[in-house]
N, C-alpha and C. Protein backbone atom coordinates (compact mmCIF):
# COMPACT_ATOMS: atom_id res chain seq x y z
N MET A 1 -9.88 27.97 -13.04
CA MET A 1 -9.61 26.53 -12.98
C MET A 1 -10.18 25.85 -14.22
N ASP A 2 -9.32 25.15 -14.95
CA ASP A 2 -9.76 24.41 -16.13
C ASP A 2 -10.28 23.04 -15.71
N LYS A 3 -11.03 22.42 -16.60
CA LYS A 3 -11.57 21.08 -16.31
C LYS A 3 -11.31 20.14 -17.46
N ILE A 4 -11.10 18.89 -17.12
CA ILE A 4 -10.97 17.83 -18.12
C ILE A 4 -11.87 16.68 -17.69
N PHE A 5 -12.56 16.08 -18.65
CA PHE A 5 -13.52 15.03 -18.36
C PHE A 5 -13.01 13.71 -18.93
N ILE A 6 -12.94 12.70 -18.08
CA ILE A 6 -12.53 11.36 -18.51
C ILE A 6 -13.72 10.43 -18.27
N ARG A 7 -14.12 9.75 -19.29
CA ARG A 7 -15.31 8.91 -19.21
C ARG A 7 -14.97 7.45 -19.52
N GLY A 8 -15.57 6.55 -18.75
CA GLY A 8 -15.45 5.12 -19.04
C GLY A 8 -14.09 4.53 -18.74
N LEU A 9 -13.42 5.01 -17.70
CA LEU A 9 -12.12 4.46 -17.31
C LEU A 9 -12.35 3.08 -16.69
N LYS A 10 -11.78 2.04 -17.29
CA LYS A 10 -12.07 0.66 -16.90
C LYS A 10 -11.01 0.11 -15.95
N VAL A 11 -11.47 -0.49 -14.85
CA VAL A 11 -10.59 -1.14 -13.88
C VAL A 11 -11.26 -2.42 -13.43
N GLU A 12 -10.48 -3.49 -13.28
CA GLU A 12 -11.02 -4.75 -12.79
C GLU A 12 -10.59 -4.96 -11.34
N THR A 13 -11.56 -5.33 -10.50
CA THR A 13 -11.26 -5.56 -9.09
C THR A 13 -12.32 -6.47 -8.49
N ILE A 14 -12.03 -6.98 -7.31
CA ILE A 14 -13.01 -7.77 -6.57
C ILE A 14 -13.94 -6.82 -5.85
N ILE A 15 -15.24 -6.99 -6.07
CA ILE A 15 -16.21 -6.08 -5.47
C ILE A 15 -17.48 -6.85 -5.13
N GLY A 16 -18.12 -6.45 -4.07
CA GLY A 16 -19.35 -7.12 -3.66
C GLY A 16 -19.40 -7.31 -2.16
N VAL A 17 -20.57 -7.71 -1.66
CA VAL A 17 -20.78 -7.88 -0.23
C VAL A 17 -20.71 -9.34 0.18
N TYR A 18 -21.27 -10.22 -0.65
CA TYR A 18 -21.34 -11.63 -0.30
C TYR A 18 -20.09 -12.38 -0.74
N ASP A 19 -19.80 -13.50 -0.05
CA ASP A 19 -18.60 -14.28 -0.35
C ASP A 19 -18.57 -14.75 -1.80
N TRP A 20 -19.75 -15.17 -2.31
CA TRP A 20 -19.78 -15.71 -3.67
C TRP A 20 -19.50 -14.63 -4.72
N GLU A 21 -19.63 -13.36 -4.33
CA GLU A 21 -19.35 -12.27 -5.26
C GLU A 21 -17.87 -11.92 -5.33
N ARG A 22 -17.10 -12.41 -4.36
CA ARG A 22 -15.74 -11.92 -4.20
C ARG A 22 -14.68 -12.96 -4.61
N HIS A 23 -15.07 -13.87 -5.50
CA HIS A 23 -14.13 -14.91 -5.94
C HIS A 23 -13.39 -14.53 -7.22
N ALA A 24 -13.87 -13.55 -7.94
CA ALA A 24 -13.24 -13.21 -9.22
C ALA A 24 -13.37 -11.71 -9.47
N ASN A 25 -12.44 -11.18 -10.26
CA ASN A 25 -12.48 -9.76 -10.60
C ASN A 25 -13.69 -9.46 -11.49
N ARG A 26 -14.21 -8.25 -11.29
CA ARG A 26 -15.29 -7.77 -12.14
C ARG A 26 -14.95 -6.35 -12.59
N PRO A 27 -15.41 -5.98 -13.78
CA PRO A 27 -15.04 -4.65 -14.31
C PRO A 27 -15.82 -3.52 -13.63
N LEU A 28 -15.13 -2.42 -13.37
CA LEU A 28 -15.74 -1.18 -12.90
C LEU A 28 -15.47 -0.09 -13.93
N SER A 29 -16.39 0.85 -14.06
CA SER A 29 -16.23 1.96 -14.97
C SER A 29 -16.30 3.27 -14.18
N PHE A 30 -15.30 4.14 -14.37
CA PHE A 30 -15.23 5.40 -13.64
C PHE A 30 -15.39 6.58 -14.61
N ASP A 31 -16.16 7.58 -14.18
CA ASP A 31 -16.27 8.85 -14.88
C ASP A 31 -15.66 9.92 -13.98
N LEU A 32 -14.66 10.66 -14.49
CA LEU A 32 -13.92 11.62 -13.68
C LEU A 32 -14.06 13.03 -14.24
N ASP A 33 -14.25 13.99 -13.34
CA ASP A 33 -14.18 15.41 -13.66
C ASP A 33 -13.01 15.99 -12.88
N LEU A 34 -11.94 16.40 -13.57
CA LEU A 34 -10.72 16.86 -12.93
C LEU A 34 -10.53 18.36 -13.14
N GLY A 35 -10.18 19.05 -12.05
CA GLY A 35 -9.87 20.47 -12.14
C GLY A 35 -8.36 20.68 -12.08
N ALA A 36 -7.82 21.49 -12.95
CA ALA A 36 -6.37 21.73 -12.97
C ALA A 36 -6.10 23.02 -13.73
N ASP A 37 -4.88 23.50 -13.59
CA ASP A 37 -4.44 24.70 -14.31
C ASP A 37 -3.67 24.27 -15.55
N PHE A 38 -4.24 24.50 -16.74
CA PHE A 38 -3.62 24.08 -17.99
C PHE A 38 -2.87 25.21 -18.68
N THR A 39 -2.65 26.32 -17.97
CA THR A 39 -2.00 27.48 -18.59
C THR A 39 -0.62 27.13 -19.14
N ASP A 40 0.18 26.43 -18.33
CA ASP A 40 1.54 26.09 -18.75
C ASP A 40 1.54 25.16 -19.96
N ALA A 41 0.65 24.17 -19.92
CA ALA A 41 0.59 23.21 -21.03
C ALA A 41 0.18 23.91 -22.33
N ALA A 42 -0.78 24.84 -22.23
CA ALA A 42 -1.24 25.55 -23.43
C ALA A 42 -0.15 26.45 -23.99
N ALA A 43 0.66 27.03 -23.09
CA ALA A 43 1.70 27.97 -23.54
C ALA A 43 2.91 27.24 -24.12
N SER A 44 3.29 26.12 -23.49
CA SER A 44 4.52 25.44 -23.91
C SER A 44 4.30 24.39 -24.98
N ASP A 45 3.07 23.82 -25.02
CA ASP A 45 2.77 22.72 -25.93
C ASP A 45 3.76 21.57 -25.74
N HIS A 46 4.14 21.35 -24.48
CA HIS A 46 5.13 20.31 -24.17
C HIS A 46 4.50 19.29 -23.22
N VAL A 47 4.85 18.02 -23.42
CA VAL A 47 4.25 16.95 -22.65
C VAL A 47 4.57 17.04 -21.17
N ARG A 48 5.69 17.67 -20.81
CA ARG A 48 6.06 17.76 -19.39
C ARG A 48 5.06 18.59 -18.58
N ASP A 49 4.32 19.48 -19.27
CA ASP A 49 3.35 20.33 -18.59
C ASP A 49 1.92 19.81 -18.70
N ALA A 50 1.77 18.66 -19.33
CA ALA A 50 0.44 18.11 -19.56
C ALA A 50 0.00 17.22 -18.40
N ILE A 51 -1.28 16.87 -18.39
CA ILE A 51 -1.81 15.95 -17.39
C ILE A 51 -1.17 14.58 -17.55
N ASP A 52 -0.77 13.98 -16.43
CA ASP A 52 -0.18 12.64 -16.45
C ASP A 52 -1.31 11.62 -16.34
N TYR A 53 -1.80 11.16 -17.46
CA TYR A 53 -2.92 10.23 -17.46
C TYR A 53 -2.55 8.88 -16.87
N ALA A 54 -1.29 8.50 -17.00
CA ALA A 54 -0.84 7.24 -16.41
C ALA A 54 -0.95 7.30 -14.89
N ALA A 55 -0.61 8.46 -14.30
CA ALA A 55 -0.71 8.62 -12.84
C ALA A 55 -2.17 8.57 -12.40
N ILE A 56 -3.07 9.16 -13.20
CA ILE A 56 -4.50 9.11 -12.87
C ILE A 56 -4.99 7.67 -12.89
N MET A 57 -4.60 6.93 -13.91
CA MET A 57 -5.00 5.53 -14.02
C MET A 57 -4.46 4.73 -12.84
N GLU A 58 -3.21 4.99 -12.47
CA GLU A 58 -2.59 4.28 -11.36
C GLU A 58 -3.32 4.57 -10.04
N THR A 59 -3.72 5.83 -9.84
CA THR A 59 -4.43 6.21 -8.62
C THR A 59 -5.79 5.53 -8.54
N ILE A 60 -6.55 5.55 -9.64
CA ILE A 60 -7.87 4.92 -9.65
C ILE A 60 -7.75 3.41 -9.43
N THR A 61 -6.76 2.80 -10.07
CA THR A 61 -6.56 1.36 -9.89
C THR A 61 -6.22 1.03 -8.45
N LYS A 62 -5.38 1.86 -7.82
CA LYS A 62 -5.01 1.64 -6.43
C LYS A 62 -6.22 1.73 -5.52
N ILE A 63 -7.06 2.75 -5.74
CA ILE A 63 -8.27 2.90 -4.93
C ILE A 63 -9.19 1.70 -5.08
N ALA A 64 -9.36 1.25 -6.33
CA ALA A 64 -10.30 0.16 -6.60
C ALA A 64 -9.80 -1.19 -6.10
N THR A 65 -8.49 -1.40 -6.11
CA THR A 65 -7.97 -2.73 -5.79
C THR A 65 -7.46 -2.88 -4.37
N GLU A 66 -7.12 -1.77 -3.69
CA GLU A 66 -6.53 -1.89 -2.36
C GLU A 66 -7.50 -1.56 -1.23
N TYR A 67 -8.57 -0.83 -1.52
CA TYR A 67 -9.48 -0.44 -0.45
C TYR A 67 -10.67 -1.37 -0.39
N HIS A 68 -11.73 -0.99 0.30
CA HIS A 68 -12.87 -1.86 0.53
C HIS A 68 -14.03 -1.50 -0.39
N PRO A 69 -14.16 -2.14 -1.54
CA PRO A 69 -15.25 -1.81 -2.46
C PRO A 69 -16.63 -1.95 -1.84
N ALA A 70 -16.82 -2.92 -0.95
CA ALA A 70 -18.13 -3.10 -0.33
C ALA A 70 -18.49 -1.85 0.47
N LEU A 71 -17.54 -1.31 1.20
CA LEU A 71 -17.78 -0.10 1.98
C LEU A 71 -18.06 1.08 1.06
N LEU A 72 -17.34 1.19 -0.05
CA LEU A 72 -17.59 2.26 -1.00
C LEU A 72 -18.98 2.15 -1.59
N GLU A 73 -19.43 0.93 -1.84
CA GLU A 73 -20.79 0.73 -2.35
C GLU A 73 -21.81 1.22 -1.33
N ALA A 74 -21.59 0.86 -0.06
CA ALA A 74 -22.52 1.26 0.99
C ALA A 74 -22.58 2.79 1.11
N LEU A 75 -21.42 3.43 1.02
CA LEU A 75 -21.38 4.88 1.08
C LEU A 75 -22.08 5.50 -0.13
N ALA A 76 -21.88 4.91 -1.29
CA ALA A 76 -22.50 5.44 -2.51
C ALA A 76 -24.03 5.37 -2.42
N VAL A 77 -24.54 4.23 -1.95
CA VAL A 77 -26.00 4.06 -1.82
C VAL A 77 -26.55 5.05 -0.80
N ASP A 78 -25.86 5.18 0.34
CA ASP A 78 -26.32 6.10 1.38
C ASP A 78 -26.25 7.55 0.89
N PHE A 79 -25.21 7.88 0.14
CA PHE A 79 -25.03 9.22 -0.41
C PHE A 79 -26.18 9.58 -1.34
N ALA A 80 -26.52 8.64 -2.23
CA ALA A 80 -27.62 8.87 -3.17
C ALA A 80 -28.97 8.95 -2.45
N ALA A 81 -29.15 8.10 -1.42
CA ALA A 81 -30.42 8.08 -0.69
C ALA A 81 -30.69 9.37 0.06
N HIS A 82 -29.63 10.12 0.39
CA HIS A 82 -29.79 11.38 1.11
C HIS A 82 -29.60 12.59 0.19
N GLY A 83 -29.93 12.40 -1.07
CA GLY A 83 -29.93 13.52 -2.01
C GLY A 83 -28.57 14.10 -2.30
N TYR A 84 -27.54 13.25 -2.28
CA TYR A 84 -26.17 13.68 -2.57
C TYR A 84 -25.71 14.82 -1.66
N ASP A 85 -26.07 14.69 -0.39
CA ASP A 85 -25.73 15.68 0.63
C ASP A 85 -24.30 15.42 1.12
N LEU A 86 -23.36 16.32 0.78
CA LEU A 86 -21.96 16.13 1.16
C LEU A 86 -21.77 16.17 2.67
N LYS A 87 -22.51 17.02 3.36
CA LYS A 87 -22.39 17.10 4.81
C LYS A 87 -22.81 15.78 5.46
N HIS A 88 -23.86 15.17 4.92
CA HIS A 88 -24.28 13.87 5.45
C HIS A 88 -23.22 12.80 5.19
N LEU A 89 -22.62 12.84 4.00
CA LEU A 89 -21.58 11.86 3.67
C LEU A 89 -20.40 11.99 4.63
N LEU A 90 -19.92 13.24 4.86
CA LEU A 90 -18.80 13.46 5.77
C LEU A 90 -19.16 13.03 7.19
N ARG A 91 -20.40 13.32 7.61
CA ARG A 91 -20.84 12.93 8.95
C ARG A 91 -20.84 11.40 9.09
N THR A 92 -21.28 10.71 8.05
CA THR A 92 -21.31 9.24 8.08
C THR A 92 -19.91 8.66 8.20
N VAL A 93 -18.98 9.20 7.40
CA VAL A 93 -17.60 8.71 7.43
C VAL A 93 -16.97 8.96 8.79
N MET A 94 -17.09 10.19 9.31
CA MET A 94 -16.43 10.55 10.56
C MET A 94 -17.04 9.87 11.78
N ALA A 95 -18.32 9.47 11.67
CA ALA A 95 -18.97 8.78 12.79
C ALA A 95 -18.75 7.27 12.74
N SER A 96 -18.09 6.78 11.69
CA SER A 96 -17.88 5.35 11.55
C SER A 96 -16.81 4.85 12.52
N ARG A 97 -16.90 3.59 12.87
CA ARG A 97 -15.93 2.99 13.78
C ARG A 97 -14.53 3.00 13.15
N THR A 98 -14.46 2.74 11.86
CA THR A 98 -13.17 2.70 11.17
C THR A 98 -12.46 4.04 11.26
N TYR A 99 -13.19 5.13 11.06
CA TYR A 99 -12.59 6.46 11.08
C TYR A 99 -12.07 6.81 12.47
N GLN A 100 -12.70 6.28 13.51
CA GLN A 100 -12.36 6.65 14.88
C GLN A 100 -11.38 5.69 15.55
N LEU A 101 -10.86 4.73 14.80
CA LEU A 101 -9.90 3.79 15.38
C LEU A 101 -8.61 4.49 15.79
N SER A 102 -7.96 3.97 16.81
CA SER A 102 -6.70 4.52 17.29
C SER A 102 -5.57 4.20 16.31
N SER A 103 -4.58 5.06 16.27
CA SER A 103 -3.39 4.80 15.44
C SER A 103 -2.36 3.96 16.18
N VAL A 104 -2.61 3.68 17.45
CA VAL A 104 -1.69 2.85 18.24
C VAL A 104 -1.96 1.39 17.93
N PRO A 105 -1.01 0.67 17.33
CA PRO A 105 -1.25 -0.73 16.96
C PRO A 105 -1.29 -1.64 18.17
N ASN A 106 -1.98 -2.77 18.02
CA ASN A 106 -1.97 -3.80 19.06
C ASN A 106 -1.45 -5.10 18.47
N ALA A 107 -1.50 -6.17 19.24
CA ALA A 107 -0.91 -7.44 18.81
C ALA A 107 -1.61 -8.02 17.59
N THR A 108 -2.88 -7.65 17.37
CA THR A 108 -3.65 -8.25 16.28
C THR A 108 -3.55 -7.48 14.97
N ASN A 109 -3.15 -6.20 15.02
CA ASN A 109 -3.13 -5.42 13.77
C ASN A 109 -1.79 -4.73 13.51
N LEU A 110 -0.76 -5.17 14.20
CA LEU A 110 0.55 -4.53 14.06
C LEU A 110 1.06 -4.55 12.63
N GLY A 111 0.82 -5.65 11.93
CA GLY A 111 1.33 -5.79 10.57
C GLY A 111 0.37 -5.35 9.49
N ASP A 112 -0.80 -4.85 9.86
CA ASP A 112 -1.80 -4.47 8.86
C ASP A 112 -1.47 -3.11 8.24
N THR A 113 -1.35 -3.08 6.93
CA THR A 113 -1.11 -1.82 6.22
C THR A 113 -2.15 -1.60 5.11
N ARG A 114 -3.20 -2.44 5.06
CA ARG A 114 -4.15 -2.32 3.95
C ARG A 114 -5.62 -2.38 4.38
N GLN A 115 -5.93 -3.08 5.47
CA GLN A 115 -7.32 -3.38 5.78
C GLN A 115 -7.98 -2.40 6.75
N PHE A 116 -7.27 -1.36 7.17
CA PHE A 116 -7.82 -0.32 8.03
C PHE A 116 -8.37 -0.85 9.35
N SER A 117 -7.64 -1.81 9.92
CA SER A 117 -8.01 -2.29 11.26
C SER A 117 -7.53 -1.31 12.33
N ARG A 118 -6.79 -0.31 11.93
CA ARG A 118 -6.36 0.79 12.80
C ARG A 118 -6.11 2.02 11.94
N SER A 119 -6.03 3.16 12.59
CA SER A 119 -5.73 4.38 11.85
C SER A 119 -4.24 4.42 11.52
N TYR A 120 -3.90 4.83 10.30
CA TYR A 120 -2.50 4.89 9.90
C TYR A 120 -2.00 6.33 10.05
N ARG A 121 -0.87 6.45 10.71
CA ARG A 121 -0.29 7.78 10.88
C ARG A 121 0.20 8.30 9.54
N ARG A 122 -0.14 9.54 9.25
CA ARG A 122 0.24 10.14 7.97
C ARG A 122 0.83 11.52 8.20
N ARG A 123 1.85 11.84 7.44
CA ARG A 123 2.43 13.17 7.52
C ARG A 123 1.45 14.20 6.96
N LEU A 124 1.46 15.39 7.54
CA LEU A 124 0.61 16.46 7.04
C LEU A 124 1.01 16.82 5.61
N PRO A 125 0.05 17.17 4.75
CA PRO A 125 0.41 17.65 3.41
C PRO A 125 1.29 18.89 3.50
N ALA A 126 2.04 19.15 2.45
CA ALA A 126 3.03 20.23 2.46
C ALA A 126 2.42 21.57 2.86
N GLU A 127 1.28 21.93 2.24
CA GLU A 127 0.67 23.23 2.50
C GLU A 127 0.19 23.33 3.95
N VAL A 128 -0.41 22.26 4.45
CA VAL A 128 -0.91 22.26 5.83
C VAL A 128 0.27 22.36 6.80
N LEU A 129 1.37 21.70 6.47
CA LEU A 129 2.56 21.73 7.34
C LEU A 129 3.15 23.13 7.41
N VAL A 130 3.23 23.82 6.27
CA VAL A 130 3.74 25.20 6.27
C VAL A 130 2.84 26.10 7.12
N ASP A 131 1.53 25.97 6.96
CA ASP A 131 0.60 26.79 7.74
C ASP A 131 0.69 26.46 9.23
N ALA A 132 0.95 25.19 9.56
CA ALA A 132 1.11 24.80 10.97
C ALA A 132 2.36 25.45 11.57
N VAL A 133 3.46 25.48 10.80
CA VAL A 133 4.68 26.14 11.27
C VAL A 133 4.43 27.63 11.47
N THR A 134 3.69 28.24 10.54
CA THR A 134 3.36 29.66 10.65
C THR A 134 2.54 29.93 11.91
N ASP A 135 1.53 29.11 12.17
CA ASP A 135 0.68 29.30 13.35
C ASP A 135 1.47 29.08 14.63
N THR A 136 2.37 28.10 14.62
CA THR A 136 3.13 27.77 15.82
C THR A 136 4.14 28.85 16.16
N THR A 137 4.84 29.35 15.15
CA THR A 137 5.87 30.36 15.39
C THR A 137 5.29 31.77 15.50
N GLY A 138 4.09 31.98 14.94
CA GLY A 138 3.50 33.30 14.97
C GLY A 138 4.09 34.26 13.95
N VAL A 139 4.86 33.74 13.01
CA VAL A 139 5.50 34.56 11.98
C VAL A 139 4.92 34.15 10.62
N PRO A 140 4.26 35.06 9.91
CA PRO A 140 3.60 34.70 8.64
C PRO A 140 4.59 34.33 7.55
N GLU A 141 4.16 33.46 6.67
CA GLU A 141 4.94 33.08 5.49
C GLU A 141 4.62 34.06 4.37
N ILE A 142 5.62 34.41 3.58
CA ILE A 142 5.42 35.36 2.48
C ILE A 142 5.54 34.61 1.17
N PHE A 143 4.48 34.67 0.35
CA PHE A 143 4.48 34.04 -0.97
C PHE A 143 4.30 35.11 -2.03
N SER A 144 5.01 34.96 -3.13
CA SER A 144 4.78 35.85 -4.26
C SER A 144 3.42 35.54 -4.87
N ALA A 145 2.78 36.56 -5.42
CA ALA A 145 1.47 36.41 -6.08
C ALA A 145 0.35 36.03 -5.11
N VAL A 146 0.61 36.16 -3.81
CA VAL A 146 -0.42 35.90 -2.80
C VAL A 146 -0.49 37.13 -1.90
N PRO A 147 -1.69 37.64 -1.60
CA PRO A 147 -1.80 38.84 -0.77
C PRO A 147 -1.13 38.66 0.59
N PRO A 148 -0.68 39.76 1.22
CA PRO A 148 -0.07 39.67 2.55
C PRO A 148 -0.99 38.95 3.52
N GLY A 149 -0.41 38.07 4.30
CA GLY A 149 -1.20 37.27 5.23
C GLY A 149 -1.79 36.03 4.63
N GLY A 150 -1.54 35.81 3.33
CA GLY A 150 -2.06 34.62 2.67
C GLY A 150 -1.42 33.36 3.22
N ARG A 151 -2.14 32.26 3.13
CA ARG A 151 -1.67 30.99 3.67
C ARG A 151 -1.23 30.06 2.53
N ALA A 152 -0.45 29.06 2.90
CA ALA A 152 0.05 28.11 1.89
C ALA A 152 -1.09 27.39 1.19
N MET A 153 -2.18 27.16 1.92
CA MET A 153 -3.33 26.49 1.31
C MET A 153 -3.96 27.32 0.19
N GLN A 154 -3.63 28.61 0.14
CA GLN A 154 -4.19 29.49 -0.89
C GLN A 154 -3.29 29.62 -2.12
N THR A 155 -2.11 29.04 -2.07
CA THR A 155 -1.23 29.12 -3.24
C THR A 155 -1.86 28.36 -4.39
N TRP A 156 -1.90 28.95 -5.54
CA TRP A 156 -2.67 28.41 -6.66
C TRP A 156 -1.81 27.80 -7.76
N SER A 157 -0.48 27.92 -7.64
CA SER A 157 0.40 27.36 -8.67
C SER A 157 1.66 26.79 -8.02
N TYR A 158 2.13 25.70 -8.58
CA TYR A 158 3.36 25.10 -8.08
C TYR A 158 4.59 25.96 -8.39
N LYS A 159 4.42 26.97 -9.25
CA LYS A 159 5.53 27.85 -9.60
C LYS A 159 5.75 28.96 -8.58
N ILE A 160 4.84 29.10 -7.61
CA ILE A 160 5.05 30.06 -6.53
C ILE A 160 6.17 29.50 -5.65
N ALA A 161 7.28 30.21 -5.57
CA ALA A 161 8.49 29.67 -4.96
C ALA A 161 8.30 29.35 -3.48
N SER A 162 8.72 28.14 -3.10
CA SER A 162 8.75 27.74 -1.70
C SER A 162 9.56 26.45 -1.59
N HIS A 163 10.76 26.55 -1.02
CA HIS A 163 11.57 25.35 -0.84
C HIS A 163 10.90 24.37 0.11
N PHE A 164 10.18 24.91 1.11
CA PHE A 164 9.50 24.06 2.08
C PHE A 164 8.44 23.20 1.37
N LEU A 165 7.60 23.83 0.56
CA LEU A 165 6.54 23.09 -0.13
C LEU A 165 7.12 22.05 -1.08
N ASP A 166 8.19 22.41 -1.78
CA ASP A 166 8.81 21.47 -2.72
C ASP A 166 9.42 20.28 -1.97
N ALA A 167 10.07 20.56 -0.83
CA ALA A 167 10.72 19.49 -0.07
C ALA A 167 9.71 18.49 0.47
N PHE A 168 8.51 18.98 0.80
CA PHE A 168 7.52 18.11 1.43
C PHE A 168 6.42 17.65 0.48
N GLY A 169 6.73 17.66 -0.81
CA GLY A 169 5.88 16.93 -1.75
C GLY A 169 4.75 17.70 -2.38
N ARG A 170 4.90 19.03 -2.57
CA ARG A 170 3.86 19.75 -3.30
C ARG A 170 3.79 19.22 -4.73
N PRO A 171 2.59 18.83 -5.23
CA PRO A 171 2.51 18.29 -6.58
C PRO A 171 2.51 19.38 -7.65
N ASN A 172 2.89 19.00 -8.85
CA ASN A 172 2.79 19.88 -10.00
C ASN A 172 1.36 19.79 -10.52
N SER A 173 0.55 20.79 -10.22
CA SER A 173 -0.88 20.74 -10.55
C SER A 173 -1.15 20.78 -12.05
N SER A 174 -0.13 21.12 -12.83
CA SER A 174 -0.32 21.16 -14.29
C SER A 174 -0.21 19.77 -14.92
N SER A 175 0.44 18.84 -14.22
CA SER A 175 0.61 17.51 -14.80
C SER A 175 0.18 16.38 -13.87
N ASP A 176 0.10 16.65 -12.57
CA ASP A 176 -0.26 15.60 -11.61
C ASP A 176 -1.64 15.86 -11.04
N CYS A 177 -2.33 14.79 -10.70
CA CYS A 177 -3.58 14.92 -9.97
C CYS A 177 -3.25 15.55 -8.61
N PRO A 178 -4.02 16.56 -8.14
CA PRO A 178 -3.70 17.23 -6.87
C PRO A 178 -3.57 16.27 -5.69
N CYS A 179 -4.27 15.13 -5.76
CA CYS A 179 -4.19 14.16 -4.65
C CYS A 179 -2.99 13.24 -4.78
N GLU A 180 -2.25 13.34 -5.87
CA GLU A 180 -1.10 12.46 -6.11
C GLU A 180 0.12 13.06 -5.45
N ARG A 181 0.39 12.67 -4.21
CA ARG A 181 1.48 13.23 -3.43
C ARG A 181 2.39 12.12 -2.92
N ASP A 182 3.65 12.46 -2.75
CA ASP A 182 4.60 11.53 -2.15
C ASP A 182 4.65 11.81 -0.65
N ALA A 183 4.08 10.91 0.14
CA ALA A 183 4.01 11.12 1.59
C ALA A 183 5.17 10.47 2.33
N GLN A 184 6.16 9.96 1.59
CA GLN A 184 7.28 9.30 2.23
C GLN A 184 8.26 10.32 2.83
N LEU A 185 8.96 9.89 3.88
CA LEU A 185 9.98 10.74 4.48
C LEU A 185 11.23 10.71 3.61
N SER A 186 12.02 11.79 3.67
CA SER A 186 13.21 11.85 2.84
C SER A 186 14.32 12.62 3.56
N VAL A 187 15.54 12.41 3.08
CA VAL A 187 16.70 13.13 3.61
C VAL A 187 16.56 14.63 3.32
N VAL A 188 15.99 14.97 2.16
CA VAL A 188 15.80 16.38 1.80
C VAL A 188 14.96 17.09 2.85
N GLN A 189 13.92 16.43 3.33
CA GLN A 189 13.06 17.04 4.35
C GLN A 189 13.82 17.27 5.65
N SER A 190 14.60 16.28 6.05
CA SER A 190 15.39 16.41 7.29
C SER A 190 16.40 17.54 7.18
N LEU A 191 17.09 17.62 6.04
CA LEU A 191 18.07 18.68 5.83
C LEU A 191 17.40 20.05 5.81
N HIS A 192 16.22 20.11 5.21
CA HIS A 192 15.51 21.39 5.16
C HIS A 192 15.14 21.86 6.57
N LEU A 193 14.64 20.97 7.40
CA LEU A 193 14.26 21.34 8.76
C LEU A 193 15.47 21.78 9.58
N MET A 194 16.62 21.18 9.30
CA MET A 194 17.82 21.53 10.05
C MET A 194 18.49 22.81 9.56
N ASN A 195 18.40 23.10 8.24
CA ASN A 195 19.23 24.16 7.66
C ASN A 195 18.46 25.30 7.00
N SER A 196 17.13 25.22 6.97
CA SER A 196 16.36 26.25 6.28
C SER A 196 16.54 27.62 6.93
N LYS A 197 16.99 28.60 6.15
CA LYS A 197 17.16 29.96 6.67
C LYS A 197 15.81 30.58 7.00
N VAL A 198 14.79 30.27 6.20
CA VAL A 198 13.45 30.81 6.45
C VAL A 198 12.91 30.29 7.77
N LEU A 199 13.07 28.99 8.00
CA LEU A 199 12.58 28.40 9.25
C LEU A 199 13.35 28.94 10.46
N GLN A 200 14.66 29.08 10.32
CA GLN A 200 15.45 29.62 11.42
C GLN A 200 15.09 31.08 11.70
N SER A 201 14.77 31.84 10.66
CA SER A 201 14.38 33.23 10.86
C SER A 201 13.05 33.33 11.60
N LYS A 202 12.17 32.38 11.37
CA LYS A 202 10.90 32.36 12.10
C LYS A 202 11.15 32.10 13.59
N LEU A 203 12.07 31.19 13.88
CA LEU A 203 12.38 30.87 15.28
C LEU A 203 13.07 32.04 15.98
N ALA A 204 13.86 32.82 15.21
CA ALA A 204 14.63 33.91 15.81
C ALA A 204 13.94 35.26 15.72
N ASP A 205 12.80 35.33 15.07
CA ASP A 205 12.11 36.61 14.88
C ASP A 205 11.73 37.22 16.24
N PRO A 206 12.11 38.48 16.49
CA PRO A 206 11.80 39.10 17.79
C PRO A 206 10.31 39.15 18.10
N LYS A 207 9.48 39.19 17.06
CA LYS A 207 8.03 39.24 17.26
C LYS A 207 7.40 37.85 17.28
N GLY A 208 8.22 36.81 17.07
CA GLY A 208 7.71 35.46 17.02
C GLY A 208 7.45 34.87 18.39
N ARG A 209 6.68 33.82 18.43
CA ARG A 209 6.29 33.19 19.69
C ARG A 209 7.49 32.59 20.42
N VAL A 210 8.45 32.03 19.69
CA VAL A 210 9.60 31.38 20.33
C VAL A 210 10.43 32.40 21.10
N ARG A 211 10.78 33.53 20.46
CA ARG A 211 11.58 34.55 21.13
C ARG A 211 10.84 35.15 22.31
N GLN A 212 9.54 35.35 22.17
CA GLN A 212 8.75 35.92 23.25
C GLN A 212 8.69 34.99 24.46
N LEU A 213 8.55 33.70 24.19
CA LEU A 213 8.54 32.73 25.29
C LEU A 213 9.92 32.65 25.95
N ALA A 214 10.98 32.70 25.14
CA ALA A 214 12.33 32.64 25.69
C ALA A 214 12.63 33.85 26.57
N ALA A 215 12.05 34.98 26.23
CA ALA A 215 12.30 36.21 27.00
C ALA A 215 11.36 36.36 28.19
N SER A 216 10.37 35.49 28.30
CA SER A 216 9.39 35.61 29.38
C SER A 216 9.91 34.92 30.64
N ASP A 217 9.13 35.02 31.71
CA ASP A 217 9.50 34.41 32.99
C ASP A 217 8.96 32.99 33.11
N ARG A 218 8.38 32.46 32.05
CA ARG A 218 7.82 31.11 32.11
C ARG A 218 8.94 30.07 32.26
N SER A 219 8.63 29.01 32.95
CA SER A 219 9.56 27.89 33.02
C SER A 219 9.57 27.15 31.69
N GLU A 220 10.57 26.32 31.49
CA GLU A 220 10.65 25.58 30.23
C GLU A 220 9.44 24.68 30.06
N ALA A 221 8.97 24.08 31.14
CA ALA A 221 7.81 23.20 31.08
C ALA A 221 6.56 23.98 30.65
N ASP A 222 6.36 25.17 31.23
CA ASP A 222 5.21 25.99 30.87
C ASP A 222 5.29 26.45 29.42
N ALA A 223 6.50 26.81 28.98
CA ALA A 223 6.68 27.27 27.60
C ALA A 223 6.35 26.17 26.61
N LEU A 224 6.72 24.94 26.92
CA LEU A 224 6.42 23.81 26.03
C LEU A 224 4.94 23.53 25.96
N VAL A 225 4.22 23.69 27.07
CA VAL A 225 2.77 23.47 27.09
C VAL A 225 2.08 24.51 26.23
N VAL A 226 2.55 25.76 26.29
CA VAL A 226 1.97 26.81 25.46
C VAL A 226 2.15 26.49 23.99
């Protein structure tokens, strides 16, 4: 894994805890350490394989301007106070009221899409979705350049062929930030789920869970619960 260091990335946003602090934008400076595979860029010397710095800037700006800077400040202070313990940071986030909010909207937060007054439903990332299909059907996915039994989460390059991963937004790690994903639904995804030969073969595999349940004496209700 290669690394690139970006220092002093400037973004202006409203930040602070008190009301008087939140009347005007103030500058923030970000230092980033990014991990990526630069093999393709080094070999081709072409901009299409290079890091998309505009996308990185757009992502940082979105985080700084759309989320809750006061909460990020509180987390940063708490993180530093506990010796930069990642387990403590994750425990703090997951134990927070915001993290545990229901995704079912009510009359007061139905229209909220920015302030985290409720949990927002999100589609699983492409790799997690492929692994979920594998676990559900009981039929392993086969990837080139990955040992037998390997999972989609272990794929290390976007060039490892998978129509499923491409349809559901796998990023190009050579030019995009790994967190830069398109989580929107698309017609391509619907068509893939309906017509994918690989997916249909998993459902029809004699050793798969679906065929075994269909051949068992279980009722339809029991089979669905399993």
